[in-house]
């Protein structure tokens, strides 16, 4: 008798819990359906917005400054002329004595030894002023 009463209470509790779970499952399914209707647009925005922002940051912090620098270097190499004092990427200082297509002939050292280098091998044009006519550049 005690077992039947206990068994009856436990089955009643199990049935009640089952119906509550079913009701909660239906409510969750309805809520999930509502979320699924809004979710695709939000998912696209939240997925692509960070990628777009990263690209914009990379463009303004890396790509654009590098393009400006490359443009300056190209302009400097195109404006080379005989008599310019230059520094090569190897650290050699010399004076341009001739330019031919993609090669530059430099006068280097005290003996004005000539050296032929590639045009792209010039790092910078040096601003040199000679205060004394007897002073030599090399």
C-alpha atoms as a PDB file:
ATOM      1  CA  UNK A   1       0.000   0.000   0.000  1.00  0.00           C
ATOM      2  CA  UNK A   2       2.753   2.372   0.811  1.00  0.00           C
ATOM      3  CA  UNK A   3       4.471   1.362  -2.386  1.00  0.00           C
ATOM      4  CA  UNK A   4       1.333   2.026  -4.399  1.00  0.00           C
ATOM      5  CA  UNK A   5       0.945   5.458  -2.843  1.00  0.00           C
ATOM      6  CA  UNK A   6       4.598   6.216  -3.482  1.00  0.00           C
ATOM      7  CA  UNK A   7       4.357   4.730  -6.954  1.00  0.00           C
ATOM      8  CA  UNK A   8       1.213   6.764  -7.641  1.00  0.00           C
ATOM      9  CA  UNK A   9       2.916   9.990  -6.506  1.00  0.00           C
ATOM     10  CA  UNK A  10       5.988   9.310  -8.554  1.00  0.00           C
ATOM     11  CA  UNK A  11       4.007   8.550 -11.700  1.00  0.00           C
ATOM     12  CA  UNK A  12       1.923  11.676 -11.191  1.00  0.00           C
ATOM     13  CA  UNK A  13       5.090  13.743 -10.781  1.00  0.00           C
ATOM     14  CA  UNK A  14       6.615  12.114 -13.851  1.00  0.00           C
ATOM     15  CA  UNK A  15       3.517  12.861 -15.949  1.00  0.00           C
ATOM     16  CA  UNK A  16       3.446  16.458 -14.726  1.00  0.00           C
ATOM     17  CA  UNK A  17       7.153  16.907 -15.446  1.00  0.00           C
ATOM     18  CA  UNK A  18       6.671  15.396 -18.909  1.00  0.00           C
ATOM     19  CA  UNK A  19       3.842  17.794 -19.757  1.00  0.00           C
ATOM     20  CA  UNK A  20       5.854  20.764 -18.436  1.00  0.00           C
ATOM     21  CA  UNK A  21       8.842  19.713 -20.510  1.00  0.00           C
ATOM     22  CA  UNK A  22       6.657  19.376 -23.593  1.00  0.00           C
ATOM     23  CA  UNK A  23       5.243  22.853 -23.011  1.00  0.00           C
ATOM     24  CA  UNK A  24       8.730  24.251 -22.519  1.00  0.00           C
ATOM     25  CA  UNK A  25       9.897  22.459 -25.675  1.00  0.00           C
ATOM     26  CA  UNK A  26       7.065  23.983 -27.684  1.00  0.00           C
ATOM     27  CA  UNK A  27       7.840  27.447 -26.297  1.00  0.00           C
ATOM     28  CA  UNK A  28      11.515  26.981 -27.086  1.00  0.00           C
ATOM     29  CA  UNK A  29      10.690  25.845 -30.604  1.00  0.00           C
ATOM     30  CA  UNK A  30       8.510  28.921 -31.106  1.00  0.00           C
ATOM     31  CA  UNK A  31      11.271  31.158 -29.748  1.00  0.00           C
ATOM     32  CA  UNK A  32      13.876  29.455 -31.929  1.00  0.00           C
ATOM     33  CA  UNK A  33      11.690  29.968 -34.980  1.00  0.00           C
ATOM     34  CA  UNK A  34      11.431  33.664 -34.149  1.00  0.00           C
ATOM     35  CA  UNK A  35      15.175  33.872 -33.711  1.00  0.00           C
ATOM     36  CA  UNK A  36      15.801  32.064 -36.997  1.00  0.00           C
ATOM     37  CA  UNK A  37      13.741  34.614 -38.884  1.00  0.00           C
ATOM     38  CA  UNK A  38      15.883  37.522 -37.647  1.00  0.00           C
ATOM     39  CA  UNK A  39      19.166  35.629 -37.411  1.00  0.00           C
ATOM     40  CA  UNK A  40      20.246  35.418 -41.118  1.00  0.00           C
ATOM     41  CA  UNK A  41      20.548  39.183 -41.575  1.00  0.00           C
ATOM     42  CA  UNK A  42      22.218  39.651 -38.217  1.00  0.00           C
ATOM     43  CA  UNK A  43      24.542  36.741 -38.935  1.00  0.00           C
ATOM     44  CA  UNK A  44      25.630  38.272 -42.242  1.00  0.00           C
ATOM     45  CA  UNK A  45      26.293  41.634 -40.638  1.00  0.00           C
ATOM     46  CA  UNK A  46      28.175  40.187 -37.707  1.00  0.00           C
ATOM     47  CA  UNK A  47      30.194  37.942 -40.015  1.00  0.00           C
ATOM     48  CA  UNK A  48      31.205  40.431 -42.690  1.00  0.00           C
ATOM     49  CA  UNK A  49      31.404  43.681 -40.733  1.00  0.00           C
ATOM     50  CA  UNK A  50      34.595  42.718 -38.832  1.00  0.00           C
ATOM     51  CA  UNK A  51      36.248  41.573 -42.068  1.00  0.00           C
ATOM     52  CA  UNK A  52      35.358  44.845 -43.798  1.00  0.00           C
ATOM     53  CA  UNK A  53      36.648  46.852 -40.846  1.00  0.00           C
ATOM     54  CA  UNK A  54      39.916  44.890 -40.813  1.00  0.00           C
ATOM     55  CA  UNK A  55      40.392  45.528 -44.543  1.00  0.00           C
ATOM     56  CA  UNK A  56      39.743  49.264 -44.082  1.00  0.00           C
ATOM     57  CA  UNK A  57      42.277  49.439 -41.244  1.00  0.00           C
ATOM     58  CA  UNK A  58      44.868  47.524 -43.287  1.00  0.00           C
ATOM     59  CA  UNK A  59      44.290  49.808 -46.268  1.00  0.00           C
ATOM     60  CA  UNK A  60      44.790  53.034 -44.347  1.00  0.00           C
ATOM     61  CA  UNK A  61      47.626  51.780 -42.127  1.00  0.00           C
ATOM     62  CA  UNK A  62      49.613  49.574 -44.510  1.00  0.00           C
ATOM     63  CA  UNK A  63      48.634  49.676 -48.173  1.00  0.00           C
ATOM     64  CA  UNK A  64      48.115  53.421 -48.710  1.00  0.00           C
ATOM     65  CA  UNK A  65      51.364  54.581 -47.003  1.00  0.00           C
ATOM     66  CA  UNK A  66      53.369  51.952 -48.912  1.00  0.00           C
ATOM     67  CA  UNK A  67      51.903  53.146 -52.223  1.00  0.00           C
ATOM     68  CA  UNK A  68      52.852  56.745 -51.375  1.00  0.00           C
ATOM     69  CA  UNK A  69      56.393  55.655 -50.516  1.00  0.00           C
ATOM     70  CA  UNK A  70      56.708  53.633 -53.746  1.00  0.00           C
ATOM     71  CA  UNK A  71      55.449  56.607 -55.751  1.00  0.00           C
ATOM     72  CA  UNK A  72      58.098  58.893 -54.181  1.00  0.00           C
ATOM     73  CA  UNK A  73      60.885  56.405 -54.901  1.00  0.00           C
ATOM     74  CA  UNK A  74      59.754  55.971 -58.515  1.00  0.00           C
ATOM     75  CA  UNK A  75      59.619  59.740 -58.965  1.00  0.00           C
ATOM     76  CA  UNK A  76      63.111  60.113 -57.477  1.00  0.00           C
ATOM     77  CA  UNK A  77      64.527  57.443 -59.795  1.00  0.00           C
ATOM     78  CA  UNK A  78      62.900  59.041 -62.847  1.00  0.00           C
ATOM     79  CA  UNK A  79      64.346  62.477 -61.972  1.00  0.00           C
ATOM     80  CA  UNK A  80      67.980  61.331 -61.749  1.00  0.00           C
ATOM     81  CA  UNK A  81      70.438  63.357 -63.826  1.00  0.00           C
ATOM     82  CA  UNK A  82      74.164  63.597 -64.355  1.00  0.00           C
ATOM     83  CA  UNK A  83      75.916  65.402 -61.522  1.00  0.00           C
ATOM     84  CA  UNK A  84      73.572  64.169 -58.776  1.00  0.00           C
ATOM     85  CA  UNK A  85      75.279  62.867 -55.659  1.00  0.00           C
ATOM     86  CA  UNK A  86      73.607  59.562 -54.696  1.00  0.00           C
ATOM     87  CA  UNK A  87      73.794  56.792 -52.134  1.00  0.00           C
ATOM     88  CA  UNK A  88      73.248  53.215 -53.302  1.00  0.00           C
ATOM     89  CA  UNK A  89      71.391  50.542 -51.369  1.00  0.00           C
ATOM     90  CA  UNK A  90      74.807  49.048 -50.615  1.00  0.00           C
ATOM     91  CA  UNK A  91      75.952  52.265 -48.930  1.00  0.00           C
ATOM     92  CA  UNK A  92      78.270  53.474 -51.709  1.00  0.00           C
ATOM     93  CA  UNK A  93      78.307  57.235 -52.275  1.00  0.00           C
ATOM     94  CA  UNK A  94      79.034  58.505 -55.731  1.00  0.00           C
ATOM     95  CA  UNK A  95      78.280  61.098 -58.373  1.00  0.00           C
ATOM     96  CA  UNK A  96      76.266  60.200 -61.463  1.00  0.00           C
ATOM     97  CA  UNK A  97      78.289  60.657 -64.659  1.00  0.00           C
ATOM     98  CA  UNK A  98      75.937  58.878 -67.029  1.00  0.00           C
ATOM     99  CA  UNK A  99      72.475  57.340 -67.274  1.00  0.00           C
ATOM    100  CA  UNK A 100      71.458  54.753 -69.826  1.00  0.00           C
ATOM    101  CA  UNK A 101      68.033  53.046 -69.677  1.00  0.00           C
ATOM    102  CA  UNK A 102      68.126  50.980 -66.475  1.00  0.00           C
ATOM    103  CA  UNK A 103      71.805  51.497 -65.614  1.00  0.00           C
ATOM    104  CA  UNK A 104      73.606  54.380 -63.964  1.00  0.00           C
ATOM    105  CA  UNK A 105      77.338  55.075 -64.155  1.00  0.00           C
ATOM    106  CA  UNK A 106      78.774  56.478 -60.936  1.00  0.00           C
ATOM    107  CA  UNK A 107      82.065  58.192 -60.207  1.00  0.00           C
ATOM    108  CA  UNK A 108      83.301  56.754 -56.924  1.00  0.00           C
ATOM    109  CA  UNK A 109      86.307  57.388 -54.663  1.00  0.00           C
ATOM    110  CA  UNK A 110      89.256  59.760 -54.807  1.00  0.00           C
ATOM    111  CA  UNK A 111      90.413  58.377 -58.155  1.00  0.00           C
ATOM    112  CA  UNK A 112      86.949  58.918 -59.696  1.00  0.00           C
ATOM    113  CA  UNK A 113      86.679  55.278 -60.533  1.00  0.00           C
ATOM    114  CA  UNK A 114      83.552  54.557 -62.581  1.00  0.00           C
ATOM    115  CA  UNK A 115      81.018  51.975 -61.487  1.00  0.00           C
ATOM    116  CA  UNK A 116      77.921  50.785 -63.333  1.00  0.00           C
ATOM    117  CA  UNK A 117      74.905  49.931 -61.191  1.00  0.00           C
ATOM    118  CA  UNK A 118      71.226  49.271 -61.767  1.00  0.00           C
ATOM    119  CA  UNK A 119      68.944  52.303 -61.500  1.00  0.00           C
ATOM    120  CA  UNK A 120      66.835  50.576 -58.823  1.00  0.00           C
ATOM    121  CA  UNK A 121      70.006  50.220 -56.705  1.00  0.00           C
ATOM    122  CA  UNK A 122      69.973  53.914 -55.803  1.00  0.00           C
ATOM    123  CA  UNK A 123      68.543  54.567 -52.348  1.00  0.00           C
ATOM    124  CA  UNK A 124      68.585  58.350 -52.232  1.00  0.00           C
ATOM    125  CA  UNK A 125      69.814  61.541 -53.827  1.00  0.00           C
ATOM    126  CA  UNK A 126      72.027  63.464 -51.394  1.00  0.00           C
ATOM    127  CA  UNK A 127      71.778  67.223 -50.994  1.00  0.00           C
ATOM    128  CA  UNK A 128      75.421  68.334 -51.235  1.00  0.00           C
ATOM    129  CA  UNK A 129      76.643  71.903 -51.274  1.00  0.00           C
ATOM    130  CA  UNK A 130      80.283  72.620 -52.017  1.00  0.00           C
ATOM    131  CA  UNK A 131      81.477  75.626 -50.015  1.00  0.00           C
ATOM    132  CA  UNK A 132      85.069  75.511 -51.247  1.00  0.00           C
ATOM    133  CA  UNK A 133      85.948  74.974 -54.927  1.00  0.00           C
ATOM    134  CA  UNK A 134      89.009  72.962 -53.920  1.00  0.00           C
ATOM    135  CA  UNK A 135      86.889  70.603 -51.825  1.00  0.00           C
ATOM    136  CA  UNK A 136      86.253  67.284 -53.550  1.00  0.00           C
ATOM    137  CA  UNK A 137      83.013  65.329 -53.301  1.00  0.00           C
ATOM    138  CA  UNK A 138      84.660  61.934 -53.217  1.00  0.00           C
END
